[in-house]
Amino acid sequence: MSAKNTQGPWATDDASPGDLFRYVLHGAGDSFGYVCRVSTNGNANAEADARLIAAAPELLEALERLSAQCARLRLPGQTESDAEKTARAAIARATGQQS
């Protein structure tokens, strides 16, 4: 992965109903730290948000691999698809390369 981020895997915590935050964790075994916390206060989407954030390292890696494969398979003179442009923009945003 090209981004300089906390390495995965990331996972969500086992928050109980009524907890104020859902945490996105990294690490292995009993040595977990947290990447971020998602407020559950009035946020019906907190669990889904936390799961999406937890999947971010794998999503970025998948986009990078798919983008590279698309570039390799593109025929000479063939234009980049909208999906490829969207993937490249998302990669740039995630890695801080967006201007």
Protein backbone atom coordinates (compact mmCIF):
# COMPACT_ATOMS: atom_id res chain seq x y z
CA MET A 1 0.00 0.00 0.00
CA SER A 2 1.37 3.42 -0.91
CA ALA A 3 -0.32 5.47 1.84
CA LYS A 4 1.55 6.28 5.03
CA ASN A 5 -1.15 5.20 7.42
CA THR A 6 -1.50 2.93 10.42
CA GLN A 7 -1.17 -0.53 8.98
CA GLY A 8 -4.17 -2.88 9.02
CA PRO A 9 -5.95 -4.93 9.67
CA TRP A 10 -8.45 -2.61 11.29
CA ALA A 11 -11.60 -3.77 13.05
CA THR A 12 -14.48 -2.25 14.97
CA ASP A 13 -14.87 -2.69 18.69
CA ASP A 14 -17.64 -4.58 20.45
CA ALA A 15 -19.58 -1.51 21.57
CA SER A 16 -22.69 -2.08 23.61
CA PRO A 17 -25.96 -0.28 22.89
CA GLY A 18 -25.82 3.07 24.62
CA ASP A 19 -22.03 3.45 24.34
CA LEU A 20 -21.02 6.97 23.30
CA PHE A 21 -18.48 5.84 20.70
CA ARG A 22 -17.66 3.03 18.29
CA TYR A 23 -13.91 2.57 17.97
CA VAL A 24 -11.94 1.52 14.92
CA LEU A 25 -9.01 -0.52 16.18
CA HIS A 26 -5.71 -1.75 14.78
CA GLY A 27 -3.23 -4.29 15.99
CA ALA A 28 -3.14 -7.95 16.82
CA GLY A 29 -3.85 -10.10 19.82
CA ASP A 30 -4.25 -8.05 22.98
CA SER A 31 -2.18 -5.15 21.66
CA PHE A 32 -4.86 -2.96 20.10
CA GLY A 33 -4.73 0.79 19.66
CA TYR A 34 -7.41 2.89 18.12
CA VAL A 35 -7.39 4.62 14.76
CA CYS A 36 -10.50 6.71 15.36
CA ARG A 37 -13.74 6.82 17.23
CA VAL A 38 -17.18 7.37 15.74
CA SER A 39 -19.74 9.17 17.87
CA THR A 40 -22.97 7.23 18.34
CA ASN A 41 -24.72 10.24 19.86
CA GLY A 42 -27.64 10.76 17.47
CA ASN A 43 -25.81 8.92 14.69
CA ALA A 44 -27.96 6.05 13.43
CA ASN A 45 -25.17 5.16 10.98
CA ALA A 46 -22.35 4.91 13.54
CA GLU A 47 -21.93 1.15 13.23
CA ALA A 48 -21.93 1.25 9.42
CA ASP A 49 -19.53 4.22 9.46
CA ALA A 50 -17.14 2.37 11.77
CA ARG A 51 -17.23 -0.75 9.56
CA LEU A 52 -16.50 1.34 6.45
CA ILE A 53 -13.57 3.07 8.13
CA ALA A 54 -12.25 -0.28 9.37
CA ALA A 55 -12.29 -1.60 5.79
CA ALA A 56 -10.34 1.43 4.45
CA PRO A 57 -6.86 -0.18 4.27
CA GLU A 58 -8.19 -3.16 2.30
CA LEU A 59 -10.34 -0.93 0.07
CA LEU A 60 -7.37 1.28 -0.78
CA GLU A 61 -5.17 -1.70 -1.56
CA ALA A 62 -7.89 -3.20 -3.79
CA LEU A 63 -8.31 0.09 -5.69
CA GLU A 64 -4.57 0.41 -6.19
CA ARG A 65 -4.31 -3.14 -7.52
CA LEU A 66 -7.36 -2.79 -9.79
CA SER A 67 -6.13 0.56 -11.12
CA ALA A 68 -2.72 -0.90 -11.94
CA GLN A 69 -4.30 -3.89 -13.66
CA CYS A 70 -6.59 -1.66 -15.72
CA ALA A 71 -3.58 0.39 -16.83
CA ARG A 72 -1.70 -2.78 -17.87
CA LEU A 73 -4.67 -4.14 -19.83
CA ARG A 74 -5.61 -0.90 -21.60
CA LEU A 75 -4.94 -1.08 -25.32
CA PRO A 76 -2.79 1.58 -26.97
CA GLY A 77 -4.95 4.61 -27.71
CA GLN A 78 -7.80 3.35 -25.53
CA THR A 79 -9.11 5.99 -23.15
CA GLU A 80 -9.44 5.52 -19.43
CA SER A 81 -12.94 4.55 -18.28
CA ASP A 82 -14.98 6.66 -15.86
CA ALA A 83 -14.56 3.90 -13.26
CA GLU A 84 -10.77 4.10 -13.60
CA LYS A 85 -10.84 7.90 -13.25
CA THR A 86 -13.01 7.60 -10.15
CA ALA A 87 -10.67 4.98 -8.67
CA ARG A 88 -7.60 7.13 -9.33
CA ALA A 89 -9.30 10.15 -7.73
CA ALA A 90 -10.21 8.10 -4.64
CA ILE A 91 -6.63 6.79 -4.37
CA ALA A 92 -5.27 10.34 -4.67
CA ARG A 93 -7.64 11.56 -1.97
CA ALA A 94 -6.78 8.70 0.38
CA THR A 95 -3.03 9.10 -0.09
CA GLY A 96 -2.95 12.89 0.09
CA GLN A 97 -1.96 13.32 -3.54
CA GLN A 98 -5.09 15.29 -4.40
CA SER A 99 -4.33 18.90 -5.24
